[in-house]
PDB file of N, CA and C in Angstrom:
ATOM      1  N   MET A   1       1.038   2.856  10.816  1.00  0.00           N
ATOM      2  CA  MET A   1      -0.284   2.658  10.249  1.00  0.00           C
ATOM      3  C   MET A   1      -0.228   1.552   9.197  1.00  0.00           C
ATOM      4  N   SER A   2      -0.755   1.826   8.036  1.00  0.00           N
ATOM      5  CA  SER A   2      -0.822   0.958   6.863  1.00  0.00           C
ATOM      6  C   SER A   2      -1.297  -0.461   7.149  1.00  0.00           C
ATOM      7  N   GLY A   3      -2.051  -0.646   8.236  1.00  0.00           N
ATOM      8  CA  GLY A   3      -2.745  -1.900   8.459  1.00  0.00           C
ATOM      9  C   GLY A   3      -4.140  -1.774   7.858  1.00  0.00           C
ATOM     10  N   LYS A   4      -5.039  -2.597   8.330  1.00  0.00           N
ATOM     11  CA  LYS A   4      -6.421  -2.502   7.878  1.00  0.00           C
ATOM     12  C   LYS A   4      -7.317  -2.287   9.086  1.00  0.00           C
ATOM     13  N   ILE A   5      -8.389  -1.522   8.877  1.00  0.00           N
ATOM     14  CA  ILE A   5      -9.359  -1.284   9.934  1.00  0.00           C
ATOM     15  C   ILE A   5     -10.761  -1.534   9.402  1.00  0.00           C
ATOM     16  N   LYS A   6     -11.635  -1.953  10.302  1.00  0.00           N
ATOM     17  CA  LYS A   6     -13.032  -2.199   9.952  1.00  0.00           C
ATOM     18  C   LYS A   6     -13.849  -1.023  10.466  1.00  0.00           C
ATOM     19  N   VAL A   7     -14.615  -0.400   9.566  1.00  0.00           N
ATOM     20  CA  VAL A   7     -15.432   0.757   9.904  1.00  0.00           C
ATOM     21  C   VAL A   7     -16.896   0.368   9.722  1.00  0.00           C
ATOM     22  N   THR A   8     -17.720   0.630  10.736  1.00  0.00           N
ATOM     23  CA  THR A   8     -19.137   0.302  10.702  1.00  0.00           C
ATOM     24  C   THR A   8     -19.944   1.569  10.938  1.00  0.00           C
ATOM     25  N   GLN A   9     -20.974   1.784  10.121  1.00  0.00           N
ATOM     26  CA  GLN A   9     -21.852   2.932  10.314  1.00  0.00           C
ATOM     27  C   GLN A   9     -22.867   2.589  11.390  1.00  0.00           C
ATOM     28  N   LYS A  10     -22.913   3.382  12.464  1.00  0.00           N
ATOM     29  CA  LYS A  10     -23.797   3.128  13.596  1.00  0.00           C
ATOM     30  C   LYS A  10     -24.998   4.072  13.641  1.00  0.00           C
ATOM     31  N   ARG A  11     -24.876   5.253  13.037  1.00  0.00           N
ATOM     32  CA  ARG A  11     -25.969   6.221  13.050  1.00  0.00           C
ATOM     33  C   ARG A  11     -26.201   6.754  11.652  1.00  0.00           C
ATOM     34  N   SER A  12     -27.377   7.332  11.442  1.00  0.00           N
ATOM     35  CA  SER A  12     -27.771   7.843  10.139  1.00  0.00           C
ATOM     36  C   SER A  12     -27.044   9.140   9.794  1.00  0.00           C
ATOM     37  N   THR A  13     -26.890   9.388   8.498  1.00  0.00           N
ATOM     38  CA  THR A  13     -26.301  10.646   8.040  1.00  0.00           C
ATOM     39  C   THR A  13     -27.370  11.713   7.806  1.00  0.00           C
ATOM     40  N   ALA A  14     -28.625  11.369   7.976  1.00  0.00           N
ATOM     41  CA  ALA A  14     -29.705  12.337   7.772  1.00  0.00           C
ATOM     42  C   ALA A  14     -29.540  13.511   8.734  1.00  0.00           C
ATOM     43  N   GLY A  15     -29.627  14.710   8.200  1.00  0.00           N
ATOM     44  CA  GLY A  15     -29.506  15.909   9.014  1.00  0.00           C
ATOM     45  C   GLY A  15     -28.080  16.351   9.274  1.00  0.00           C
ATOM     46  N   GLN A  16     -27.100  15.609   8.765  1.00  0.00           N
ATOM     47  CA  GLN A  16     -25.693  15.970   8.951  1.00  0.00           C
ATOM     48  C   GLN A  16     -25.261  16.949   7.850  1.00  0.00           C
ATOM     49  N   LEU A  17     -24.163  17.643   8.091  1.00  0.00           N
ATOM     50  CA  LEU A  17     -23.609  18.525   7.082  1.00  0.00           C
ATOM     51  C   LEU A  17     -23.193  17.713   5.858  1.00  0.00           C
ATOM     52  N   LYS A  18     -23.208  18.362   4.698  1.00  0.00           N
ATOM     53  CA  LYS A  18     -22.899  17.670   3.439  1.00  0.00           C
ATOM     54  C   LYS A  18     -21.490  17.079   3.435  1.00  0.00           C
ATOM     55  N   ASN A  19     -20.528  17.774   4.061  1.00  0.00           N
ATOM     56  CA  ASN A  19     -19.163  17.233   4.060  1.00  0.00           C
ATOM     57  C   ASN A  19     -19.046  15.994   4.939  1.00  0.00           C
ATOM     58  N   ILE A  20     -19.854  15.890   5.980  1.00  0.00           N
ATOM     59  CA  ILE A  20     -19.866  14.684   6.812  1.00  0.00           C
ATOM     60  C   ILE A  20     -20.508  13.537   6.041  1.00  0.00           C
ATOM     61  N   GLN A  21     -21.613  13.818   5.355  1.00  0.00           N
ATOM     62  CA  GLN A  21     -22.258  12.797   4.531  1.00  0.00           C
ATOM     63  C   GLN A  21     -21.309  12.304   3.449  1.00  0.00           C
ATOM     64  N   ALA A  22     -20.553  13.216   2.842  1.00  0.00           N
ATOM     65  CA  ALA A  22     -19.612  12.847   1.791  1.00  0.00           C
ATOM     66  C   ALA A  22     -18.483  11.974   2.348  1.00  0.00           C
ATOM     67  N   SER A  23     -18.048  12.250   3.564  1.00  0.00           N
ATOM     68  CA  SER A  23     -16.995  11.439   4.175  1.00  0.00           C
ATOM     69  C   SER A  23     -17.470  10.009   4.409  1.00  0.00           C
ATOM     70  N   VAL A  24     -18.704   9.865   4.880  1.00  0.00           N
ATOM     71  CA  VAL A  24     -19.252   8.522   5.117  1.00  0.00           C
ATOM     72  C   VAL A  24     -19.384   7.773   3.797  1.00  0.00           C
ATOM     73  N   ARG A  25     -19.892   8.439   2.765  1.00  0.00           N
ATOM     74  CA  ARG A  25     -20.009   7.803   1.451  1.00  0.00           C
ATOM     75  C   ARG A  25     -18.632   7.491   0.871  1.00  0.00           C
ATOM     76  N   GLY A  26     -17.672   8.364   1.098  1.00  0.00           N
ATOM     77  CA  GLY A  26     -16.310   8.150   0.610  1.00  0.00           C
ATOM     78  C   GLY A  26     -15.647   6.929   1.226  1.00  0.00           C
ATOM     79  N   LEU A  27     -16.071   6.583   2.423  1.00  0.00           N
ATOM     80  CA  LEU A  27     -15.566   5.371   3.065  1.00  0.00           C
ATOM     81  C   LEU A  27     -16.213   4.119   2.496  1.00  0.00           C
ATOM     82  N   GLY A  28     -17.275   4.294   1.716  1.00  0.00           N
ATOM     83  CA  GLY A  28     -17.957   3.157   1.107  1.00  0.00           C
ATOM     84  C   GLY A  28     -19.141   2.656   1.915  1.00  0.00           C
ATOM     85  N   LEU A  29     -19.569   3.441   2.900  1.00  0.00           N
ATOM     86  CA  LEU A  29     -20.695   3.039   3.745  1.00  0.00           C
ATOM     87  C   LEU A  29     -22.000   3.544   3.151  1.00  0.00           C
ATOM     88  N   ARG A  30     -23.037   2.717   3.193  1.00  0.00           N
ATOM     89  CA  ARG A  30     -24.303   3.065   2.562  1.00  0.00           C
ATOM     90  C   ARG A  30     -25.494   3.092   3.507  1.00  0.00           C
ATOM     91  N   ARG A  31     -25.431   2.352   4.601  1.00  0.00           N
ATOM     92  CA  ARG A  31     -26.590   2.272   5.501  1.00  0.00           C
ATOM     93  C   ARG A  31     -26.118   1.920   6.908  1.00  0.00           C
ATOM     94  N   ILE A  32     -27.003   2.082   7.873  1.00  0.00           N
ATOM     95  CA  ILE A  32     -26.692   1.738   9.251  1.00  0.00           C
ATOM     96  C   ILE A  32     -26.419   0.237   9.342  1.00  0.00           C
ATOM     97  N   GLY A  33     -25.351  -0.118  10.020  1.00  0.00           N
ATOM     98  CA  GLY A  33     -24.974  -1.514  10.173  1.00  0.00           C
ATOM     99  C   GLY A  33     -24.032  -2.028   9.098  1.00  0.00           C
ATOM    100  N   HIS A  34     -23.813  -1.241   8.064  1.00  0.00           N
ATOM    101  CA  HIS A  34     -22.927  -1.637   6.970  1.00  0.00           C
ATOM    102  C   HIS A  34     -21.475  -1.470   7.425  1.00  0.00           C
ATOM    103  N   SER A  35     -20.632  -2.452   7.135  1.00  0.00           N
ATOM    104  CA  SER A  35     -19.220  -2.417   7.504  1.00  0.00           C
ATOM    105  C   SER A  35     -18.339  -2.552   6.271  1.00  0.00           C
ATOM    106  N   VAL A  36     -17.184  -1.896   6.315  1.00  0.00           N
ATOM    107  CA  VAL A  36     -16.188  -2.027   5.261  1.00  0.00           C
ATOM    108  C   VAL A  36     -14.816  -2.155   5.921  1.00  0.00           C
ATOM    109  N   VAL A  37     -13.910  -2.835   5.229  1.00  0.00           N
ATOM    110  CA  VAL A  37     -12.517  -2.937   5.682  1.00  0.00           C
ATOM    111  C   VAL A  37     -11.699  -2.057   4.743  1.00  0.00           C
ATOM    112  N   VAL A  38     -10.990  -1.104   5.325  1.00  0.00           N
ATOM    113  CA  VAL A  38     -10.212  -0.136   4.538  1.00  0.00           C
ATOM    114  C   VAL A  38      -8.784  -0.088   5.065  1.00  0.00           C
ATOM    115  N   LEU A  39      -7.881   0.406   4.235  1.00  0.00           N
ATOM    116  CA  LEU A  39      -6.496   0.602   4.662  1.00  0.00           C
ATOM    117  C   LEU A  39      -6.431   1.745   5.672  1.00  0.00           C
ATOM    118  N   ASP A  40      -5.565   1.617   6.639  1.00  0.00           N
ATOM    119  CA  ASP A  40      -5.398   2.637   7.675  1.00  0.00           C
ATOM    120  C   ASP A  40      -4.387   3.676   7.195  1.00  0.00           C
ATOM    121  N   THR A  41      -4.867   4.649   6.417  1.00  0.00           N
ATOM    122  CA  THR A  41      -4.017   5.716   5.888  1.00  0.00           C
ATOM    123  C   THR A  41      -4.486   7.062   6.438  1.00  0.00           C
ATOM    124  N   ALA A  42      -3.678   8.074   6.259  1.00  0.00           N
ATOM    125  CA  ALA A  42      -4.010   9.401   6.765  1.00  0.00           C
ATOM    126  C   ALA A  42      -5.309   9.964   6.162  1.00  0.00           C
ATOM    127  N   PRO A  43      -5.535   9.871   4.841  1.00  0.00           N
ATOM    128  CA  PRO A  43      -6.799  10.389   4.298  1.00  0.00           C
ATOM    129  C   PRO A  43      -8.029   9.644   4.827  1.00  0.00           C
ATOM    130  N   ILE A  44      -7.912   8.340   4.992  1.00  0.00           N
ATOM    131  CA  ILE A  44      -9.023   7.548   5.541  1.00  0.00           C
ATOM    132  C   ILE A  44      -9.280   7.957   6.987  1.00  0.00           C
ATOM    133  N   ARG A  45      -8.205   8.119   7.765  1.00  0.00           N
ATOM    134  CA  ARG A  45      -8.349   8.559   9.162  1.00  0.00           C
ATOM    135  C   ARG A  45      -9.020   9.928   9.243  1.00  0.00           C
ATOM    136  N   GLY A  46      -8.718  10.815   8.285  1.00  0.00           N
ATOM    137  CA  GLY A  46      -9.358  12.127   8.256  1.00  0.00           C
ATOM    138  C   GLY A  46     -10.861  12.015   8.048  1.00  0.00           C
ATOM    139  N   MET A  47     -11.286  11.131   7.138  1.00  0.00           N
ATOM    140  CA  MET A  47     -12.720  10.930   6.902  1.00  0.00           C
ATOM    141  C   MET A  47     -13.391  10.326   8.133  1.00  0.00           C
ATOM    142  N   ILE A  48     -12.691   9.390   8.781  1.00  0.00           N
ATOM    143  CA  ILE A  48     -13.242   8.777   9.993  1.00  0.00           C
ATOM    144  C   ILE A  48     -13.375   9.812  11.110  1.00  0.00           C
ATOM    145  N   ASN A  49     -12.368  10.657  11.274  1.00  0.00           N
ATOM    146  CA  ASN A  49     -12.426  11.690  12.311  1.00  0.00           C
ATOM    147  C   ASN A  49     -13.554  12.679  12.057  1.00  0.00           C
ATOM    148  N   LYS A  50     -13.808  13.006  10.804  1.00  0.00           N
ATOM    149  CA  LYS A  50     -14.869  13.950  10.453  1.00  0.00           C
ATOM    150  C   LYS A  50     -16.239  13.420  10.868  1.00  0.00           C
ATOM    151  N   ALA A  51     -16.440  12.102  10.727  1.00  0.00           N
ATOM    152  CA  ALA A  51     -17.751  11.498  10.999  1.00  0.00           C
ATOM    153  C   ALA A  51     -17.682  10.519  12.169  1.00  0.00           C
ATOM    154  N   SER A  52     -16.774  10.737  13.096  1.00  0.00           N
ATOM    155  CA  SER A  52     -16.542   9.762  14.172  1.00  0.00           C
ATOM    156  C   SER A  52     -17.772   9.518  15.036  1.00  0.00           C
ATOM    157  N   HIS A  53     -18.666  10.501  15.145  1.00  0.00           N
ATOM    158  CA  HIS A  53     -19.859  10.336  15.970  1.00  0.00           C
ATOM    159  C   HIS A  53     -20.897   9.410  15.321  1.00  0.00           C
ATOM    160  N   LEU A  54     -20.674   9.039  14.060  1.00  0.00           N
ATOM    161  CA  LEU A  54     -21.595   8.151  13.340  1.00  0.00           C
ATOM    162  C   LEU A  54     -21.027   6.748  13.157  1.00  0.00           C
ATOM    163  N   LEU A  55     -19.740   6.569  13.474  1.00  0.00           N
ATOM    164  CA  LEU A  55     -19.029   5.344  13.091  1.00  0.00           C
ATOM    165  C   LEU A  55     -18.461   4.597  14.295  1.00  0.00           C
ATOM    166  N   ALA A  56     -18.234   3.306  14.081  1.00  0.00           N
ATOM    167  CA  ALA A  56     -17.478   2.484  15.027  1.00  0.00           C
ATOM    168  C   ALA A  56     -16.274   1.944  14.265  1.00  0.00           C
ATOM    169  N   VAL A  57     -15.102   1.976  14.892  1.00  0.00           N
ATOM    170  CA  VAL A  57     -13.857   1.578  14.235  1.00  0.00           C
ATOM    171  C   VAL A  57     -13.172   0.510  15.071  1.00  0.00           C
ATOM    172  N   GLU A  58     -12.681  -0.545  14.401  1.00  0.00           N
ATOM    173  CA  GLU A  58     -11.923  -1.593  15.081  1.00  0.00           C
ATOM    174  C   GLU A  58     -10.855  -2.116  14.140  1.00  0.00           C
ATOM    175  N   LYS A  59      -9.857  -2.784  14.691  1.00  0.00           N
ATOM    176  CA  LYS A  59      -8.817  -3.380  13.852  1.00  0.00           C
ATOM    177  C   LYS A  59      -9.384  -4.570  13.107  1.00  0.00           C
ATOM    178  N   ALA A  60      -8.940  -4.733  11.844  1.00  0.00           N
ATOM    179  CA  ALA A  60      -9.438  -5.847  11.039  1.00  0.00           C
ATOM    180  C   ALA A  60      -8.477  -7.003  11.066  1.00  0.00           C
TER     181      ALA A  60
END
């Protein structure tokens, strides 16, 4: 791991469980279409897995 990945929010967090919303916010995403580049670590992967149905992930 320990590379970088680009995470993009593709769907809204409205109506999602609070822990899923918190995971998306924890990744630094604020709105649909917003992208961030983050380190590929185990805690980040956990947040991505929790909200995977809302996100798109690619190598940076």
